Amino acid sequence: MDADAVLRRWQRCAEKVLAEFLADSEKRGLPPLLWTLSQAGHLTGEADVLTYTPDERRAAVLRWAEHVGSPVEVSHTTDGREELVAMWQIVPRGETAPVPGCFRATSPLNEENT
C-alpha cells in the first residue's frame, strides 16, 4: 500500500470516530466542538473561543473527556493562558487500530468568566 493510501485509510478510520462522536453529542447532549482531522488521521475536538466563554470551554472539555474516560491535563502558559487537553485513543467499530485524538480548550487567564 502506498503512503497516500495509508493516510486515506487513517483518515477514514478517524471519520468513523467522528461520526460516532456526533451521534453521541446529539444523544447525550454533549456540547458541539470544532473538529479537525489531520493528514495522518488524528482527530481534535476544540471548544473554540468564538462560541464559548472560558467556563463553557472548560466544561465542554471536561464533559467530552468524561464521555470517553480520559483524564484532563490543565496547564498554565507563561503568556497567560490556561490549556486543557484530554488525550484519547479509540478503536472504531469494524477496525483494529486505534484512532488518536484529543479534546482541548485554551483560554486567557485574565479573560472574564461569564
PDB file of N, CA and C in Angstrom:
ATOM      1  N   MET A   1       0.852  -1.171   0.000  1.00  0.00           N
ATOM      2  CA  MET A   1       0.000   0.000   0.000  1.00  0.00           C
ATOM      3  C   MET A   1       0.902   1.241   0.000  1.00  0.00           C
ATOM      4  N   ASP A   2       0.633   2.195  -0.889  1.00  0.00           N
ATOM      5  CA  ASP A   2       1.472   3.395  -0.930  1.00  0.00           C
ATOM      6  C   ASP A   2       1.120   4.344   0.223  1.00  0.00           C
ATOM      7  N   ALA A   3       1.974   5.338   0.434  1.00  0.00           N
ATOM      8  CA  ALA A   3       1.832   6.246   1.577  1.00  0.00           C
ATOM      9  C   ALA A   3       0.505   7.001   1.548  1.00  0.00           C
ATOM     10  N   ASP A   4       0.075   7.457   0.381  1.00  0.00           N
ATOM     11  CA  ASP A   4      -1.195   8.179   0.291  1.00  0.00           C
ATOM     12  C   ASP A   4      -2.368   7.284   0.662  1.00  0.00           C
ATOM     13  N   ALA A   5      -2.328   6.043   0.237  1.00  0.00           N
ATOM     14  CA  ALA A   5      -3.404   5.107   0.572  1.00  0.00           C
ATOM     15  C   ALA A   5      -3.471   4.878   2.079  1.00  0.00           C
ATOM     16  N   VAL A   6      -2.318   4.804   2.722  1.00  0.00           N
ATOM     17  CA  VAL A   6      -2.278   4.631   4.181  1.00  0.00           C
ATOM     18  C   VAL A   6      -2.891   5.845   4.873  1.00  0.00           C
ATOM     19  N   LEU A   7      -2.517   7.038   4.433  1.00  0.00           N
ATOM     20  CA  LEU A   7      -3.068   8.253   5.034  1.00  0.00           C
ATOM     21  C   LEU A   7      -4.581   8.328   4.848  1.00  0.00           C
ATOM     22  N   ARG A   8      -5.060   7.984   3.659  1.00  0.00           N
ATOM     23  CA  ARG A   8      -6.509   7.994   3.418  1.00  0.00           C
ATOM     24  C   ARG A   8      -7.212   6.989   4.321  1.00  0.00           C
ATOM     25  N   ARG A   9      -6.612   5.825   4.513  1.00  0.00           N
ATOM     26  CA  ARG A   9      -7.208   4.811   5.397  1.00  0.00           C
ATOM     27  C   ARG A   9      -7.302   5.337   6.823  1.00  0.00           C
ATOM     28  N   TRP A  10      -6.224   5.952   7.307  1.00  0.00           N
ATOM     29  CA  TRP A  10      -6.247   6.507   8.662  1.00  0.00           C
ATOM     30  C   TRP A  10      -7.323   7.591   8.787  1.00  0.00           C
ATOM     31  N   GLN A  11      -7.468   8.411   7.757  1.00  0.00           N
ATOM     32  CA  GLN A  11      -8.495   9.451   7.793  1.00  0.00           C
ATOM     33  C   GLN A  11      -9.899   8.849   7.787  1.00  0.00           C
ATOM     34  N   ARG A  12     -10.098   7.785   7.018  1.00  0.00           N
ATOM     35  CA  ARG A  12     -11.417   7.137   7.007  1.00  0.00           C
ATOM     36  C   ARG A  12     -11.746   6.540   8.375  1.00  0.00           C
ATOM     37  N   CYS A  13     -10.750   5.987   9.047  1.00  0.00           N
ATOM     38  CA  CYS A  13     -10.967   5.449  10.398  1.00  0.00           C
ATOM     39  C   CYS A  13     -11.352   6.574  11.359  1.00  0.00           C
ATOM     40  N   ALA A  14     -10.662   7.704  11.268  1.00  0.00           N
ATOM     41  CA  ALA A  14     -10.984   8.848  12.126  1.00  0.00           C
ATOM     42  C   ALA A  14     -12.377   9.381  11.816  1.00  0.00           C
ATOM     43  N   GLU A  15     -12.767   9.306  10.551  1.00  0.00           N
ATOM     44  CA  GLU A  15     -14.104   9.736  10.153  1.00  0.00           C
ATOM     45  C   GLU A  15     -15.167   8.896  10.863  1.00  0.00           C
ATOM     46  N   LYS A  16     -14.904   7.615  11.058  1.00  0.00           N
ATOM     47  CA  LYS A  16     -15.842   6.745  11.784  1.00  0.00           C
ATOM     48  C   LYS A  16     -15.982   7.191  13.234  1.00  0.00           C
ATOM     49  N   VAL A  17     -14.854   7.531  13.858  1.00  0.00           N
ATOM     50  CA  VAL A  17     -14.900   8.006  15.243  1.00  0.00           C
ATOM     51  C   VAL A  17     -15.677   9.321  15.314  1.00  0.00           C
ATOM     52  N   LEU A  18     -15.423  10.230  14.379  1.00  0.00           N
ATOM     53  CA  LEU A  18     -16.144  11.499  14.361  1.00  0.00           C
ATOM     54  C   LEU A  18     -17.644  11.266  14.205  1.00  0.00           C
ATOM     55  N   ALA A  19     -18.037  10.362  13.334  1.00  0.00           N
ATOM     56  CA  ALA A  19     -19.464  10.062  13.160  1.00  0.00           C
ATOM     57  C   ALA A  19     -20.069   9.556  14.470  1.00  0.00           C
ATOM     58  N   GLU A  20     -19.335   8.704  15.192  1.00  0.00           N
ATOM     59  CA  GLU A  20     -19.814   8.221  16.492  1.00  0.00           C
ATOM     60  C   GLU A  20     -19.919   9.372  17.488  1.00  0.00           C
ATOM     61  N   PHE A  21     -18.921  10.255  17.505  1.00  0.00           N
ATOM     62  CA  PHE A  21     -18.947  11.397  18.418  1.00  0.00           C
ATOM     63  C   PHE A  21     -20.137  12.315  18.121  1.00  0.00           C
ATOM     64  N   LEU A  22     -20.409  12.578  16.851  1.00  0.00           N
ATOM     65  CA  LEU A  22     -21.527  13.451  16.504  1.00  0.00           C
ATOM     66  C   LEU A  22     -22.857  12.836  16.930  1.00  0.00           C
ATOM     67  N   ALA A  23     -22.993  11.530  16.758  1.00  0.00           N
ATOM     68  CA  ALA A  23     -24.206  10.846  17.214  1.00  0.00           C
ATOM     69  C   ALA A  23     -24.302  10.890  18.737  1.00  0.00           C
ATOM     70  N   ASP A  24     -23.185  10.652  19.424  1.00  0.00           N
ATOM     71  CA  ASP A  24     -23.171  10.713  20.889  1.00  0.00           C
ATOM     72  C   ASP A  24     -23.520  12.108  21.382  1.00  0.00           C
ATOM     73  N   SER A  25     -23.008  13.127  20.699  1.00  0.00           N
ATOM     74  CA  SER A  25     -23.276  14.510  21.086  1.00  0.00           C
ATOM     75  C   SER A  25     -24.770  14.789  21.077  1.00  0.00           C
ATOM     76  N   GLU A  26     -25.427  14.333  20.033  1.00  0.00           N
ATOM     77  CA  GLU A  26     -26.869  14.549  19.925  1.00  0.00           C
ATOM     78  C   GLU A  26     -27.634  13.735  20.963  1.00  0.00           C
ATOM     79  N   LYS A  27     -27.277  12.458  21.110  1.00  0.00           N
ATOM     80  CA  LYS A  27     -27.984  11.577  22.051  1.00  0.00           C
ATOM     81  C   LYS A  27     -27.792  11.986  23.504  1.00  0.00           C
ATOM     82  N   ARG A  28     -26.584  12.380  23.851  1.00  0.00           N
ATOM     83  CA  ARG A  28     -26.241  12.632  25.257  1.00  0.00           C
ATOM     84  C   ARG A  28     -26.175  14.115  25.618  1.00  0.00           C
ATOM     85  N   GLY A  29     -26.458  14.971  24.658  1.00  0.00           N
ATOM     86  CA  GLY A  29     -26.435  16.400  24.933  1.00  0.00           C
ATOM     87  C   GLY A  29     -25.043  16.961  25.193  1.00  0.00           C
ATOM     88  N   LEU A  30     -24.036  16.356  24.560  1.00  0.00           N
ATOM     89  CA  LEU A  30     -22.668  16.864  24.700  1.00  0.00           C
ATOM     90  C   LEU A  30     -22.508  18.126  23.853  1.00  0.00           C
ATOM     91  N   PRO A  31     -21.692  19.070  24.305  1.00  0.00           N
ATOM     92  CA  PRO A  31     -21.564  20.330  23.564  1.00  0.00           C
ATOM     93  C   PRO A  31     -20.868  20.148  22.214  1.00  0.00           C
ATOM     94  N   PRO A  32     -21.330  20.858  21.192  1.00  0.00           N
ATOM     95  CA  PRO A  32     -20.658  20.808  19.896  1.00  0.00           C
ATOM     96  C   PRO A  32     -19.232  21.350  20.010  1.00  0.00           C
ATOM     97  N   LEU A  33     -18.337  20.736  19.276  1.00  0.00           N
ATOM     98  CA  LEU A  33     -16.941  21.159  19.243  1.00  0.00           C
ATOM     99  C   LEU A  33     -16.541  21.490  17.814  1.00  0.00           C
ATOM    100  N   LEU A  34     -15.436  22.196  17.672  1.00  0.00           N
ATOM    101  CA  LEU A  34     -14.819  22.441  16.371  1.00  0.00           C
ATOM    102  C   LEU A  34     -13.916  21.242  16.107  1.00  0.00           C
ATOM    103  N   TRP A  35     -14.202  20.473  15.057  1.00  0.00           N
ATOM    104  CA  TRP A  35     -13.464  19.231  14.792  1.00  0.00           C
ATOM    105  C   TRP A  35     -12.426  19.442  13.704  1.00  0.00           C
ATOM    106  N   THR A  36     -11.235  18.878  13.924  1.00  0.00           N
ATOM    107  CA  THR A  36     -10.149  18.934  12.952  1.00  0.00           C
ATOM    108  C   THR A  36      -9.609  17.526  12.738  1.00  0.00           C
ATOM    109  N   LEU A  37      -9.450  17.151  11.485  1.00  0.00           N
ATOM    110  CA  LEU A  37      -8.900  15.850  11.114  1.00  0.00           C
ATOM    111  C   LEU A  37      -7.565  16.090  10.422  1.00  0.00           C
ATOM    112  N   SER A  38      -6.483  15.560  11.010  1.00  0.00           N
ATOM    113  CA  SER A  38      -5.156  15.774  10.424  1.00  0.00           C
ATOM    114  C   SER A  38      -4.925  14.839   9.242  1.00  0.00           C
ATOM    115  N   GLN A  39      -3.875  15.125   8.503  1.00  0.00           N
ATOM    116  CA  GLN A  39      -3.499  14.297   7.361  1.00  0.00           C
ATOM    117  C   GLN A  39      -3.258  12.851   7.786  1.00  0.00           C
ATOM    118  N   ALA A  40      -2.722  12.659   8.996  1.00  0.00           N
ATOM    119  CA  ALA A  40      -2.401  11.315   9.485  1.00  0.00           C
ATOM    120  C   ALA A  40      -3.533  10.689  10.293  1.00  0.00           C
ATOM    121  N   GLY A  41      -4.727  11.294  10.265  1.00  0.00           N
ATOM    122  CA  GLY A  41      -5.881  10.687  10.904  1.00  0.00           C
ATOM    123  C   GLY A  41      -6.061  10.991  12.379  1.00  0.00           C
ATOM    124  N   HIS A  42      -5.362  11.986  12.901  1.00  0.00           N
ATOM    125  CA  HIS A  42      -5.569  12.407  14.289  1.00  0.00           C
ATOM    126  C   HIS A  42      -6.785  13.329  14.329  1.00  0.00           C
ATOM    127  N   LEU A  43      -7.657  13.124  15.310  1.00  0.00           N
ATOM    128  CA  LEU A  43      -8.900  13.877  15.415  1.00  0.00           C
ATOM    129  C   LEU A  43      -8.843  14.774  16.647  1.00  0.00           C
ATOM    130  N   THR A  44      -9.127  16.057  16.459  1.00  0.00           N
ATOM    131  CA  THR A  44      -9.129  17.010  17.566  1.00  0.00           C
ATOM    132  C   THR A  44     -10.490  17.675  17.650  1.00  0.00           C
ATOM    133  N   GLY A  45     -11.043  17.695  18.859  1.00  0.00           N
ATOM    134  CA  GLY A  45     -12.266  18.432  19.141  1.00  0.00           C
ATOM    135  C   GLY A  45     -11.922  19.605  20.037  1.00  0.00           C
ATOM    136  N   GLU A  46     -12.209  20.810  19.579  1.00  0.00           N
ATOM    137  CA  GLU A  46     -11.829  22.000  20.335  1.00  0.00           C
ATOM    138  C   GLU A  46     -13.055  22.818  20.709  1.00  0.00           C
ATOM    139  N   ALA A  47     -13.105  23.209  21.978  1.00  0.00           N
ATOM    140  CA  ALA A  47     -14.124  24.149  22.439  1.00  0.00           C
ATOM    141  C   ALA A  47     -13.586  25.535  22.100  1.00  0.00           C
ATOM    142  N   ASP A  48     -14.086  26.117  21.033  1.00  0.00           N
ATOM    143  CA  ASP A  48     -13.427  27.305  20.488  1.00  0.00           C
ATOM    144  C   ASP A  48     -13.846  28.595  21.187  1.00  0.00           C
ATOM    145  N   VAL A  49     -12.977  29.566  21.062  1.00  0.00           N
ATOM    146  CA  VAL A  49     -13.111  30.846  21.745  1.00  0.00           C
ATOM    147  C   VAL A  49     -14.268  31.686  21.195  1.00  0.00           C
ATOM    148  N   LEU A  50     -14.674  31.463  19.962  1.00  0.00           N
ATOM    149  CA  LEU A  50     -15.759  32.251  19.374  1.00  0.00           C
ATOM    150  C   LEU A  50     -17.135  31.811  19.851  1.00  0.00           C
ATOM    151  N   THR A  51     -17.258  30.558  20.269  1.00  0.00           N
ATOM    152  CA  THR A  51     -18.560  30.009  20.638  1.00  0.00           C
ATOM    153  C   THR A  51     -18.805  30.008  22.138  1.00  0.00           C
ATOM    154  N   TYR A  52     -17.762  29.770  22.913  1.00  0.00           N
ATOM    155  CA  TYR A  52     -17.920  29.536  24.347  1.00  0.00           C
ATOM    156  C   TYR A  52     -17.137  30.530  25.194  1.00  0.00           C
ATOM    157  N   THR A  53     -17.669  30.806  26.386  1.00  0.00           N
ATOM    158  CA  THR A  53     -16.930  31.566  27.395  1.00  0.00           C
ATOM    159  C   THR A  53     -15.840  30.655  27.963  1.00  0.00           C
ATOM    160  N   PRO A  54     -14.891  31.203  28.726  1.00  0.00           N
ATOM    161  CA  PRO A  54     -13.872  30.343  29.331  1.00  0.00           C
ATOM    162  C   PRO A  54     -14.463  29.213  30.186  1.00  0.00           C
ATOM    163  N   ASP A  55     -15.459  29.522  30.989  1.00  0.00           N
ATOM    164  CA  ASP A  55     -16.082  28.473  31.810  1.00  0.00           C
ATOM    165  C   ASP A  55     -16.760  27.413  30.950  1.00  0.00           C
ATOM    166  N   GLU A  56     -17.411  27.847  29.879  1.00  0.00           N
ATOM    167  CA  GLU A  56     -18.071  26.899  28.977  1.00  0.00           C
ATOM    168  C   GLU A  56     -17.052  26.041  28.234  1.00  0.00           C
ATOM    169  N   ARG A  57     -15.914  26.626  27.836  1.00  0.00           N
ATOM    170  CA  ARG A  57     -14.860  25.850  27.173  1.00  0.00           C
ATOM    171  C   ARG A  57     -14.334  24.770  28.110  1.00  0.00           C
ATOM    172  N   ARG A  58     -14.066  25.162  29.352  1.00  0.00           N
ATOM    173  CA  ARG A  58     -13.582  24.217  30.360  1.00  0.00           C
ATOM    174  C   ARG A  58     -14.596  23.086  30.548  1.00  0.00           C
ATOM    175  N   ALA A  59     -15.860  23.455  30.713  1.00  0.00           N
ATOM    176  CA  ALA A  59     -16.916  22.459  30.934  1.00  0.00           C
ATOM    177  C   ALA A  59     -17.062  21.528  29.733  1.00  0.00           C
ATOM    178  N   ALA A  60     -16.933  22.063  28.525  1.00  0.00           N
ATOM    179  CA  ALA A  60     -17.069  21.231  27.322  1.00  0.00           C
ATOM    180  C   ALA A  60     -15.986  20.159  27.280  1.00  0.00           C
ATOM    181  N   VAL A  61     -14.739  20.548  27.542  1.00  0.00           N
ATOM    182  CA  VAL A  61     -13.644  19.570  27.532  1.00  0.00           C
ATOM    183  C   VAL A  61     -13.849  18.534  28.631  1.00  0.00           C
ATOM    184  N   LEU A  62     -14.243  18.982  29.812  1.00  0.00           N
ATOM    185  CA  LEU A  62     -14.463  18.041  30.917  1.00  0.00           C
ATOM    186  C   LEU A  62     -15.564  17.034  30.593  1.00  0.00           C
ATOM    187  N   ARG A  63     -16.647  17.488  29.977  1.00  0.00           N
ATOM    188  CA  ARG A  63     -17.751  16.573  29.633  1.00  0.00           C
ATOM    189  C   ARG A  63     -17.338  15.560  28.579  1.00  0.00           C
ATOM    190  N   TRP A  64     -16.645  16.012  27.531  1.00  0.00           N
ATOM    191  CA  TRP A  64     -16.207  15.084  26.490  1.00  0.00           C
ATOM    192  C   TRP A  64     -15.180  14.101  27.035  1.00  0.00           C
ATOM    193  N   ALA A  65     -14.265  14.585  27.864  1.00  0.00           N
ATOM    194  CA  ALA A  65     -13.256  13.702  28.457  1.00  0.00           C
ATOM    195  C   ALA A  65     -13.919  12.635  29.320  1.00  0.00           C
ATOM    196  N   GLU A  66     -14.903  13.039  30.098  1.00  0.00           N
ATOM    197  CA  GLU A  66     -15.633  12.067  30.915  1.00  0.00           C
ATOM    198  C   GLU A  66     -16.337  11.046  30.022  1.00  0.00           C
ATOM    199  N   HIS A  67     -16.880  11.509  28.925  1.00  0.00           N
ATOM    200  CA  HIS A  67     -17.604  10.632  27.999  1.00  0.00           C
ATOM    201  C   HIS A  67     -16.730   9.488  27.486  1.00  0.00           C
ATOM    202  N   VAL A  68     -15.452   9.781  27.205  1.00  0.00           N
ATOM    203  CA  VAL A  68     -14.558   8.734  26.682  1.00  0.00           C
ATOM    204  C   VAL A  68     -13.637   8.154  27.755  1.00  0.00           C
ATOM    205  N   GLY A  69     -13.749   8.652  28.984  1.00  0.00           N
ATOM    206  CA  GLY A  69     -12.937   8.122  30.074  1.00  0.00           C
ATOM    207  C   GLY A  69     -11.486   8.556  30.053  1.00  0.00           C
ATOM    208  N   SER A  70     -11.236   9.782  29.607  1.00  0.00           N
ATOM    209  CA  SER A  70      -9.861  10.295  29.542  1.00  0.00           C
ATOM    210  C   SER A  70      -9.626  11.359  30.609  1.00  0.00           C
ATOM    211  N   PRO A  71      -8.443  11.350  31.217  1.00  0.00           N
ATOM    212  CA  PRO A  71      -8.120  12.420  32.163  1.00  0.00           C
ATOM    213  C   PRO A  71      -7.849  13.728  31.425  1.00  0.00           C
ATOM    214  N   VAL A  72      -8.079  14.821  32.115  1.00  0.00           N
ATOM    215  CA  VAL A  72      -7.830  16.149  31.548  1.00  0.00           C
ATOM    216  C   VAL A  72      -6.578  16.729  32.197  1.00  0.00           C
ATOM    217  N   GLU A  73      -5.652  17.148  31.368  1.00  0.00           N
ATOM    218  CA  GLU A  73      -4.449  17.828  31.856  1.00  0.00           C
ATOM    219  C   GLU A  73      -4.664  19.330  31.719  1.00  0.00           C
ATOM    220  N   VAL A  74      -4.381  20.053  32.798  1.00  0.00           N
ATOM    221  CA  VAL A  74      -4.516  21.508  32.805  1.00  0.00           C
ATOM    222  C   VAL A  74      -3.126  22.105  32.973  1.00  0.00           C
ATOM    223  N   SER A  75      -2.797  23.060  32.126  1.00  0.00           N
ATOM    224  CA  SER A  75      -1.514  23.749  32.265  1.00  0.00           C
ATOM    225  C   SER A  75      -1.729  25.242  32.072  1.00  0.00           C
ATOM    226  N   HIS A  76      -0.827  26.004  32.661  1.00  0.00           N
ATOM    227  CA  HIS A  76      -0.846  27.459  32.510  1.00  0.00           C
ATOM    228  C   HIS A  76       0.438  27.861  31.804  1.00  0.00           C
ATOM    229  N   THR A  77       0.280  28.610  30.742  1.00  0.00           N
ATOM    230  CA  THR A  77       1.434  29.001  29.937  1.00  0.00           C
ATOM    231  C   THR A  77       2.052  30.293  30.476  1.00  0.00           C
ATOM    232  N   THR A  78       3.271  30.548  30.077  1.00  0.00           N
ATOM    233  CA  THR A  78       3.959  31.765  30.519  1.00  0.00           C
ATOM    234  C   THR A  78       3.359  33.030  29.911  1.00  0.00           C
ATOM    235  N   ASP A  79       2.583  32.881  28.838  1.00  0.00           N
ATOM    236  CA  ASP A  79       1.949  34.059  28.241  1.00  0.00           C
ATOM    237  C   ASP A  79       0.510  34.255  28.718  1.00  0.00           C
ATOM    238  N   GLY A  80       0.145  33.615  29.843  1.00  0.00           N
ATOM    239  CA  GLY A  80      -1.135  33.896  30.481  1.00  0.00           C
ATOM    240  C   GLY A  80      -2.335  33.144  29.944  1.00  0.00           C
ATOM    241  N   ARG A  81      -2.137  31.923  29.515  1.00  0.00           N
ATOM    242  CA  ARG A  81      -3.260  31.120  29.032  1.00  0.00           C
ATOM    243  C   ARG A  81      -3.406  29.852  29.866  1.00  0.00           C
ATOM    244  N   GLU A  82      -4.644  29.396  29.973  1.00  0.00           N
ATOM    245  CA  GLU A  82      -4.927  28.090  30.555  1.00  0.00           C
ATOM    246  C   GLU A  82      -5.234  27.147  29.400  1.00  0.00           C
ATOM    247  N   GLU A  83      -4.574  25.991  29.388  1.00  0.00           N
ATOM    248  CA  GLU A  83      -4.805  25.000  28.340  1.00  0.00           C
ATOM    249  C   GLU A  83      -5.290  23.705  28.971  1.00  0.00           C
ATOM    250  N   LEU A  84      -6.391  23.198  28.453  1.00  0.00           N
ATOM    251  CA  LEU A  84      -6.929  21.915  28.877  1.00  0.00           C
ATOM    252  C   LEU A  84      -6.809  20.956  27.707  1.00  0.00           C
ATOM    253  N   VAL A  85      -6.303  19.757  27.979  1.00  0.00           N
ATOM    254  CA  VAL A  85      -6.161  18.739  26.935  1.00  0.00           C
ATOM    255  C   VAL A  85      -6.517  17.384  27.525  1.00  0.00           C
ATOM    256  N   ALA A  86      -7.353  16.648  26.822  1.00  0.00           N
ATOM    257  CA  ALA A  86      -7.683  15.268  27.179  1.00  0.00           C
ATOM    258  C   ALA A  86      -7.336  14.395  25.977  1.00  0.00           C
ATOM    259  N   MET A  87      -6.265  13.626  26.098  1.00  0.00           N
ATOM    260  CA  MET A  87      -5.815  12.744  25.012  1.00  0.00           C
ATOM    261  C   MET A  87      -6.571  11.418  25.089  1.00  0.00           C
ATOM    262  N   TRP A  88      -6.820  10.805  23.931  1.00  0.00           N
ATOM    263  CA  TRP A  88      -7.509   9.515  23.901  1.00  0.00           C
ATOM    264  C   TRP A  88      -7.087   8.738  22.663  1.00  0.00           C
ATOM    265  N   GLN A  89      -7.389   7.454  22.690  1.00  0.00           N
ATOM    266  CA  GLN A  89      -7.269   6.577  21.519  1.00  0.00           C
ATOM    267  C   GLN A  89      -8.508   5.696  21.512  1.00  0.00           C
ATOM    268  N   ILE A  90      -9.190   5.666  20.393  1.00  0.00           N
ATOM    269  CA  ILE A  90     -10.433   4.901  20.275  1.00  0.00           C
ATOM    270  C   ILE A  90     -10.354   4.024  19.033  1.00  0.00           C
ATOM    271  N   VAL A  91     -10.720   2.766  19.203  1.00  0.00           N
ATOM    272  CA  VAL A  91     -10.793   1.843  18.068  1.00  0.00           C
ATOM    273  C   VAL A  91     -12.214   1.921  17.508  1.00  0.00           C
ATOM    274  N   PRO A  92     -12.375   2.395  16.271  1.00  0.00           N
ATOM    275  CA  PRO A  92     -13.716   2.477  15.693  1.00  0.00           C
ATOM    276  C   PRO A  92     -14.287   1.092  15.401  1.00  0.00           C
ATOM    277  N   ARG A  93     -15.591   1.036  15.354  1.00  0.00           N
ATOM    278  CA  ARG A  93     -16.270  -0.229  15.031  1.00  0.00           C
ATOM    279  C   ARG A  93     -15.759  -0.768  13.703  1.00  0.00           C
ATOM    280  N   GLY A  94     -15.461  -2.065  13.690  1.00  0.00           N
ATOM    281  CA  GLY A  94     -15.017  -2.712  12.466  1.00  0.00           C
ATOM    282  C   GLY A  94     -13.545  -2.525  12.145  1.00  0.00           C
ATOM    283  N   GLU A  95     -12.794  -1.871  13.030  1.00  0.00           N
ATOM    284  CA  GLU A  95     -11.369  -1.627  12.796  1.00  0.00           C
ATOM    285  C   GLU A  95     -10.549  -2.295  13.896  1.00  0.00           C
ATOM    286  N   THR A  96      -9.251  -2.398  13.673  1.00  0.00           N
ATOM    287  CA  THR A  96      -8.377  -2.992  14.686  1.00  0.00           C
ATOM    288  C   THR A  96      -7.410  -1.982  15.287  1.00  0.00           C
ATOM    289  N   ALA A  97      -7.095  -0.938  14.554  1.00  0.00           N
ATOM    290  CA  ALA A  97      -6.134   0.057  15.033  1.00  0.00           C
ATOM    291  C   ALA A  97      -6.861   1.247  15.662  1.00  0.00           C
ATOM    292  N   PRO A  98      -6.294   1.801  16.734  1.00  0.00           N
ATOM    293  CA  PRO A  98      -6.934   2.950  17.368  1.00  0.00           C
ATOM    294  C   PRO A  98      -6.713   4.242  16.589  1.00  0.00           C
ATOM    295  N   VAL A  99      -7.672   5.136  16.721  1.00  0.00           N
ATOM    296  CA  VAL A  99      -7.563   6.494  16.194  1.00  0.00           C
ATOM    297  C   VAL A  99      -7.133   7.378  17.361  1.00  0.00           C
ATOM    298  N   PRO A 100      -6.021   8.105  17.217  1.00  0.00           N
ATOM    299  CA  PRO A 100      -5.596   9.003  18.289  1.00  0.00           C
ATOM    300  C   PRO A 100      -6.263  10.366  18.153  1.00  0.00           C
ATOM    301  N   GLY A 101      -6.473  10.999  19.283  1.00  0.00           N
ATOM    302  CA  GLY A 101      -7.043  12.330  19.240  1.00  0.00           C
ATOM    303  C   GLY A 101      -7.045  12.991  20.590  1.00  0.00           C
ATOM    304  N   CYS A 102      -7.687  14.151  20.638  1.00  0.00           N
ATOM    305  CA  CYS A 102      -7.794  14.870  21.903  1.00  0.00           C
ATOM    306  C   CYS A 102      -8.972  15.830  21.859  1.00  0.00           C
ATOM    307  N   PHE A 103      -9.380  16.228  23.057  1.00  0.00           N
ATOM    308  CA  PHE A 103     -10.305  17.345  23.240  1.00  0.00           C
ATOM    309  C   PHE A 103      -9.466  18.442  23.878  1.00  0.00           C
ATOM    310  N   ARG A 104      -9.695  19.700  23.460  1.00  0.00           N
ATOM    311  CA  ARG A 104      -8.845  20.762  24.002  1.00  0.00           C
ATOM    312  C   ARG A 104      -9.580  22.091  24.059  1.00  0.00           C
ATOM    313  N   ALA A 105      -9.057  22.955  24.910  1.00  0.00           N
ATOM    314  CA  ALA A 105      -9.553  24.326  25.013  1.00  0.00           C
ATOM    315  C   ALA A 105      -8.424  25.200  25.533  1.00  0.00           C
ATOM    316  N   THR A 106      -8.391  26.429  25.064  1.00  0.00           N
ATOM    317  CA  THR A 106      -7.411  27.410  25.526  1.00  0.00           C
ATOM    318  C   THR A 106      -8.153  28.690  25.875  1.00  0.00           C
ATOM    319  N   SER A 107      -7.836  29.245  27.046  1.00  0.00           N
ATOM    320  CA  SER A 107      -8.463  30.491  27.489  1.00  0.00           C
ATOM    321  C   SER A 107      -7.422  31.403  28.112  1.00  0.00           C
ATOM    322  N   PRO A 108      -7.510  32.701  27.827  1.00  0.00           N
ATOM    323  CA  PRO A 108      -6.654  33.640  28.552  1.00  0.00           C
ATOM    324  C   PRO A 108      -7.031  33.623  30.031  1.00  0.00           C
ATOM    325  N   LEU A 109      -6.048  33.598  30.910  1.00  0.00           N
ATOM    326  CA  LEU A 109      -6.329  33.556  32.343  1.00  0.00           C
ATOM    327  C   LEU A 109      -6.974  34.836  32.846  1.00  0.00           C
ATOM    328  N   ASN A 110      -6.731  35.952  32.177  1.00  0.00           N
ATOM    329  CA  ASN A 110      -7.303  37.216  32.633  1.00  0.00           C
ATOM    330  C   ASN A 110      -8.653  37.525  31.993  1.00  0.00           C
ATOM    331  N   GLU A 111      -9.152  36.639  31.130  1.00  0.00           N
ATOM    332  CA  GLU A 111     -10.444  36.848  30.476  1.00  0.00           C
ATOM    333  C   GLU A 111     -11.544  36.617  31.498  1.00  0.00           C
ATOM    334  N   GLU A 112     -12.545  37.489  31.488  1.00  0.00           N
ATOM    335  CA  GLU A 112     -13.647  37.326  32.424  1.00  0.00           C
ATOM    336  C   GLU A 112     -14.398  36.050  32.130  1.00  0.00           C
ATOM    337  N   ASN A 113     -14.727  35.308  33.189  1.00  0.00           N
ATOM    338  CA  ASN A 113     -15.532  34.097  33.054  1.00  0.00           C
ATOM    339  C   ASN A 113     -16.989  34.484  33.191  1.00  0.00           C
ATOM    340  N   THR A 114     -17.705  34.403  32.075  1.00  0.00           N
ATOM    341  CA  THR A 114     -19.114  34.790  32.094  1.00  0.00           C
ATOM    342  C   THR A 114     -19.981  33.632  31.718  1.00  0.00           C
TER     343      THR A 114
END
